[in-house]
Amino acid sequence: MRSPAAQIGLLIQQMQAALAPQINIPNRELNLVLYPDFAGGDQDPMTWLDEVEKAFAANLINDNWKIVVIVPHLRRSAAMWWTTCQRQPNPINV
C-alpha cells in the first residue's frame, strides 16, 4: 500500500499527463477573439489595424500566419486592392 504522499504524487503526475495535450494547441487553431472585417471606404484603417493586432495577440497568431488569417476578412474595395496587389509582378508574399 502506498503512502498518502506517494498517492498524491501519482495523482499529480496523472493530472499533468492528461493536461499536456490541451496545452499544445497549434497557434493557428486558436480563435478566442473574432477578427473584424475591413471594407475600405470611410472605415478607419488605423482603428481596424489596432483591433486586428489585439485579436492576433489574443489568438496567439505569429507573424508567419497573420496575412493568411486576415485576408479572408477583407471586403469590397479592400478585397479588390488585395487581389490587385497579388497580380502585380512583385506581389506581397504570403
N, C-alpha and C. Protein backbone atom coordinates (compact mmCIF):
# COMPACT_ATOMS: atom_id res chain seq x y z
N MET A 1 0.84 -1.18 0.00
CA MET A 1 0.00 0.00 0.00
C MET A 1 0.89 1.25 0.00
N ARG A 2 0.54 2.19 -0.83
CA ARG A 2 1.32 3.43 -0.94
C ARG A 2 0.93 4.41 0.15
N SER A 3 1.90 5.22 0.50
CA SER A 3 1.64 6.27 1.50
C SER A 3 0.76 7.35 0.85
N PRO A 4 0.09 8.16 1.68
CA PRO A 4 -0.72 9.25 1.13
C PRO A 4 0.11 10.20 0.26
N ALA A 5 1.34 10.47 0.65
CA ALA A 5 2.19 11.37 -0.15
C ALA A 5 2.49 10.76 -1.51
N ALA A 6 2.75 9.45 -1.55
CA ALA A 6 3.02 8.78 -2.83
C ALA A 6 1.78 8.77 -3.71
N GLN A 7 0.61 8.56 -3.10
CA GLN A 7 -0.65 8.57 -3.86
C GLN A 7 -0.92 9.95 -4.44
N ILE A 8 -0.66 10.99 -3.65
CA ILE A 8 -0.86 12.36 -4.14
C ILE A 8 0.12 12.66 -5.27
N GLY A 9 1.36 12.23 -5.13
CA GLY A 9 2.35 12.44 -6.18
C GLY A 9 1.95 11.75 -7.47
N LEU A 10 1.44 10.53 -7.37
CA LEU A 10 0.99 9.79 -8.55
C LEU A 10 -0.21 10.48 -9.19
N LEU A 11 -1.13 10.95 -8.37
CA LEU A 11 -2.30 11.65 -8.88
C LEU A 11 -1.90 12.93 -9.61
N ILE A 12 -0.96 13.67 -9.07
CA ILE A 12 -0.48 14.90 -9.73
C ILE A 12 0.15 14.57 -11.07
N GLN A 13 0.94 13.51 -11.14
CA GLN A 13 1.56 13.11 -12.40
C GLN A 13 0.50 12.74 -13.44
N GLN A 14 -0.53 12.04 -13.03
CA GLN A 14 -1.61 11.65 -13.94
C GLN A 14 -2.36 12.88 -14.45
N MET A 15 -2.59 13.84 -13.57
CA MET A 15 -3.30 15.06 -13.97
C MET A 15 -2.45 15.87 -14.95
N GLN A 16 -1.16 15.97 -14.71
CA GLN A 16 -0.28 16.70 -15.61
C GLN A 16 -0.23 16.03 -16.98
N ALA A 17 -0.18 14.72 -17.00
CA ALA A 17 -0.15 13.99 -18.27
C ALA A 17 -1.44 14.20 -19.05
N ALA A 18 -2.57 14.28 -18.36
CA ALA A 18 -3.85 14.49 -19.02
C ALA A 18 -3.97 15.90 -19.58
N LEU A 19 -3.36 16.87 -18.93
CA LEU A 19 -3.44 18.26 -19.38
C LEU A 19 -2.47 18.58 -20.50
N ALA A 20 -1.39 17.86 -20.63
CA ALA A 20 -0.35 18.18 -21.61
C ALA A 20 -0.89 18.33 -23.03
N PRO A 21 -1.73 17.41 -23.55
CA PRO A 21 -2.21 17.59 -24.92
C PRO A 21 -3.03 18.86 -25.10
N GLN A 22 -3.73 19.31 -24.09
CA GLN A 22 -4.54 20.51 -24.19
C GLN A 22 -3.68 21.77 -24.28
N ILE A 23 -2.50 21.74 -23.71
CA ILE A 23 -1.62 22.90 -23.70
C ILE A 23 -0.96 23.11 -25.06
N ASN A 24 -0.76 22.05 -25.81
CA ASN A 24 -0.04 22.12 -27.08
C ASN A 24 -0.95 22.36 -28.28
N ILE A 25 -1.92 23.24 -28.17
CA ILE A 25 -2.81 23.56 -29.29
C ILE A 25 -2.03 24.41 -30.28
N PRO A 26 -2.00 24.03 -31.57
CA PRO A 26 -1.30 24.86 -32.55
C PRO A 26 -1.88 26.27 -32.59
N ASN A 27 -1.02 27.28 -32.74
CA ASN A 27 -1.45 28.67 -32.72
C ASN A 27 -2.56 28.97 -33.72
N ARG A 28 -2.45 28.41 -34.92
CA ARG A 28 -3.42 28.75 -35.95
C ARG A 28 -4.83 28.27 -35.62
N GLU A 29 -4.98 27.38 -34.66
CA GLU A 29 -6.29 26.86 -34.32
C GLU A 29 -6.99 27.66 -33.23
N LEU A 30 -6.30 28.56 -32.57
CA LEU A 30 -6.93 29.36 -31.54
C LEU A 30 -7.80 30.43 -32.17
N ASN A 31 -9.00 30.61 -31.67
CA ASN A 31 -9.90 31.63 -32.19
C ASN A 31 -10.70 32.19 -31.02
N LEU A 32 -9.98 32.71 -30.03
CA LEU A 32 -10.62 33.26 -28.85
C LEU A 32 -11.33 34.57 -29.14
N VAL A 33 -10.73 35.37 -30.03
CA VAL A 33 -11.27 36.68 -30.38
C VAL A 33 -11.52 36.69 -31.88
N LEU A 34 -12.70 37.13 -32.29
CA LEU A 34 -13.04 37.19 -33.71
C LEU A 34 -12.32 38.35 -34.39
N TYR A 35 -12.04 38.19 -35.67
CA TYR A 35 -11.37 39.22 -36.45
C TYR A 35 -12.39 40.12 -37.12
N PRO A 36 -12.19 41.43 -37.04
CA PRO A 36 -13.13 42.34 -37.70
C PRO A 36 -12.90 42.36 -39.21
N ASP A 37 -13.96 42.59 -39.96
CA ASP A 37 -13.84 42.74 -41.41
C ASP A 37 -13.39 44.16 -41.73
N PHE A 38 -12.74 44.30 -42.89
CA PHE A 38 -12.35 45.63 -43.37
C PHE A 38 -12.80 45.76 -44.81
N ALA A 39 -13.58 46.80 -45.09
CA ALA A 39 -14.13 47.01 -46.42
C ALA A 39 -13.55 48.23 -47.12
N GLY A 40 -12.72 49.00 -46.43
CA GLY A 40 -12.20 50.22 -47.02
C GLY A 40 -13.23 51.33 -46.88
N GLY A 41 -13.29 52.19 -47.90
CA GLY A 41 -14.25 53.30 -47.85
C GLY A 41 -13.94 54.24 -46.71
N ASP A 42 -14.98 54.60 -45.96
CA ASP A 42 -14.78 55.55 -44.85
C ASP A 42 -14.44 54.85 -43.53
N GLN A 43 -14.24 53.55 -43.56
CA GLN A 43 -13.83 52.81 -42.36
C GLN A 43 -12.40 53.21 -41.99
N ASP A 44 -12.16 53.50 -40.73
CA ASP A 44 -10.84 53.94 -40.29
C ASP A 44 -9.86 52.76 -40.28
N PRO A 45 -8.85 52.78 -41.15
CA PRO A 45 -7.92 51.65 -41.22
C PRO A 45 -7.06 51.51 -39.96
N MET A 46 -6.74 52.61 -39.29
CA MET A 46 -5.91 52.53 -38.09
C MET A 46 -6.66 51.85 -36.94
N THR A 47 -7.94 52.17 -36.80
CA THR A 47 -8.76 51.53 -35.78
C THR A 47 -8.88 50.04 -36.07
N TRP A 48 -9.10 49.70 -37.35
CA TRP A 48 -9.21 48.30 -37.75
C TRP A 48 -7.91 47.55 -37.46
N LEU A 49 -6.77 48.15 -37.83
CA LEU A 49 -5.48 47.50 -37.58
C LEU A 49 -5.25 47.27 -36.09
N ASP A 50 -5.64 48.24 -35.27
CA ASP A 50 -5.50 48.08 -33.82
C ASP A 50 -6.33 46.90 -33.32
N GLU A 51 -7.57 46.79 -33.80
CA GLU A 51 -8.44 45.68 -33.40
C GLU A 51 -7.88 44.34 -33.88
N VAL A 52 -7.35 44.32 -35.10
CA VAL A 52 -6.77 43.10 -35.66
C VAL A 52 -5.55 42.67 -34.85
N GLU A 53 -4.68 43.61 -34.50
CA GLU A 53 -3.49 43.27 -33.71
C GLU A 53 -3.88 42.72 -32.34
N LYS A 54 -4.93 43.28 -31.75
CA LYS A 54 -5.40 42.75 -30.46
C LYS A 54 -5.91 41.32 -30.62
N ALA A 55 -6.62 41.06 -31.71
CA ALA A 55 -7.11 39.70 -31.97
C ALA A 55 -5.95 38.74 -32.22
N PHE A 56 -4.94 39.18 -32.99
CA PHE A 56 -3.76 38.34 -33.21
C PHE A 56 -3.11 37.98 -31.87
N ALA A 57 -2.97 38.96 -31.01
CA ALA A 57 -2.32 38.71 -29.71
C ALA A 57 -3.14 37.74 -28.87
N ALA A 58 -4.44 37.95 -28.81
CA ALA A 58 -5.30 37.08 -28.01
C ALA A 58 -5.33 35.65 -28.55
N ASN A 59 -5.26 35.52 -29.87
CA ASN A 59 -5.32 34.21 -30.51
C ASN A 59 -3.94 33.58 -30.71
N LEU A 60 -2.90 34.25 -30.21
CA LEU A 60 -1.52 33.75 -30.29
C LEU A 60 -1.08 33.47 -31.73
N ILE A 61 -1.44 34.38 -32.64
CA ILE A 61 -1.07 34.22 -34.05
C ILE A 61 0.32 34.82 -34.25
N ASN A 62 1.25 34.01 -34.77
CA ASN A 62 2.59 34.54 -35.01
C ASN A 62 2.64 35.24 -36.36
N ASP A 63 3.72 35.98 -36.60
CA ASP A 63 3.83 36.80 -37.81
C ASP A 63 3.67 36.00 -39.09
N ASN A 64 4.10 34.76 -39.11
CA ASN A 64 4.02 33.95 -40.33
C ASN A 64 2.58 33.66 -40.76
N TRP A 65 1.64 33.75 -39.85
CA TRP A 65 0.25 33.42 -40.15
C TRP A 65 -0.67 34.63 -40.28
N LYS A 66 -0.21 35.82 -39.95
CA LYS A 66 -1.10 36.98 -39.89
C LYS A 66 -1.81 37.27 -41.21
N ILE A 67 -1.08 37.30 -42.32
CA ILE A 67 -1.71 37.61 -43.61
C ILE A 67 -2.69 36.52 -43.99
N VAL A 68 -2.30 35.28 -43.82
CA VAL A 68 -3.18 34.15 -44.17
C VAL A 68 -4.49 34.23 -43.38
N VAL A 69 -4.40 34.60 -42.12
CA VAL A 69 -5.58 34.66 -41.26
C VAL A 69 -6.48 35.84 -41.61
N ILE A 70 -5.90 36.99 -41.94
CA ILE A 70 -6.71 38.19 -42.07
C ILE A 70 -7.26 38.44 -43.48
N VAL A 71 -6.61 37.92 -44.52
CA VAL A 71 -7.08 38.16 -45.90
C VAL A 71 -8.56 37.80 -46.09
N PRO A 72 -9.06 36.71 -45.55
CA PRO A 72 -10.49 36.42 -45.73
C PRO A 72 -11.43 37.45 -45.11
N HIS A 73 -10.90 38.36 -44.31
CA HIS A 73 -11.72 39.38 -43.67
C HIS A 73 -11.70 40.70 -44.43
N LEU A 74 -11.05 40.73 -45.58
CA LEU A 74 -11.07 41.91 -46.44
C LEU A 74 -12.32 41.85 -47.30
N ARG A 75 -13.04 42.95 -47.39
CA ARG A 75 -14.29 43.02 -48.14
C ARG A 75 -14.23 44.15 -49.16
N ARG A 76 -15.12 44.12 -50.12
CA ARG A 76 -15.32 45.15 -51.15
C ARG A 76 -14.01 45.73 -51.66
N SER A 77 -13.81 47.05 -51.51
CA SER A 77 -12.63 47.69 -52.11
C SER A 77 -11.33 47.17 -51.50
N ALA A 78 -11.35 46.79 -50.24
CA ALA A 78 -10.14 46.24 -49.62
C ALA A 78 -9.78 44.89 -50.24
N ALA A 79 -10.78 44.07 -50.52
CA ALA A 79 -10.54 42.77 -51.16
C ALA A 79 -10.04 42.97 -52.59
N MET A 80 -10.61 43.95 -53.30
CA MET A 80 -10.14 44.24 -54.66
C MET A 80 -8.70 44.73 -54.64
N TRP A 81 -8.36 45.58 -53.66
CA TRP A 81 -6.98 46.06 -53.53
C TRP A 81 -6.03 44.89 -53.34
N TRP A 82 -6.38 43.96 -52.46
CA TRP A 82 -5.52 42.81 -52.18
C TRP A 82 -5.33 41.97 -53.45
N THR A 83 -6.41 41.73 -54.17
CA THR A 83 -6.33 40.94 -55.40
C THR A 83 -5.43 41.62 -56.42
N THR A 84 -5.55 42.94 -56.55
CA THR A 84 -4.70 43.71 -57.46
C THR A 84 -3.24 43.61 -57.05
N CYS A 85 -2.96 43.73 -55.77
CA CYS A 85 -1.58 43.62 -55.28
C CYS A 85 -0.99 42.25 -55.60
N GLN A 86 -1.77 41.22 -55.46
CA GLN A 86 -1.29 39.87 -55.71
C GLN A 86 -1.02 39.61 -57.20
N ARG A 87 -1.66 40.37 -58.08
CA ARG A 87 -1.47 40.19 -59.52
C ARG A 87 -0.30 41.00 -60.07
N GLN A 88 0.29 41.84 -59.26
CA GLN A 88 1.41 42.66 -59.70
C GLN A 88 2.64 41.78 -59.92
N PRO A 89 3.62 42.28 -60.72
CA PRO A 89 4.83 41.49 -60.96
C PRO A 89 5.57 41.09 -59.68
N ASN A 90 5.54 41.93 -58.67
CA ASN A 90 6.18 41.62 -57.38
C ASN A 90 5.11 41.62 -56.29
N PRO A 91 4.30 40.56 -56.23
CA PRO A 91 3.20 40.55 -55.26
C PRO A 91 3.71 40.49 -53.82
N ILE A 92 2.83 40.86 -52.92
CA ILE A 92 3.13 40.74 -51.50
C ILE A 92 3.17 39.25 -51.19
N ASN A 93 4.27 38.81 -50.62
CA ASN A 93 4.41 37.38 -50.32
C ASN A 93 3.62 37.01 -49.09
N VAL A 94 2.92 35.91 -49.19
CA VAL A 94 2.14 35.39 -48.06
C VAL A 94 2.92 34.30 -47.39
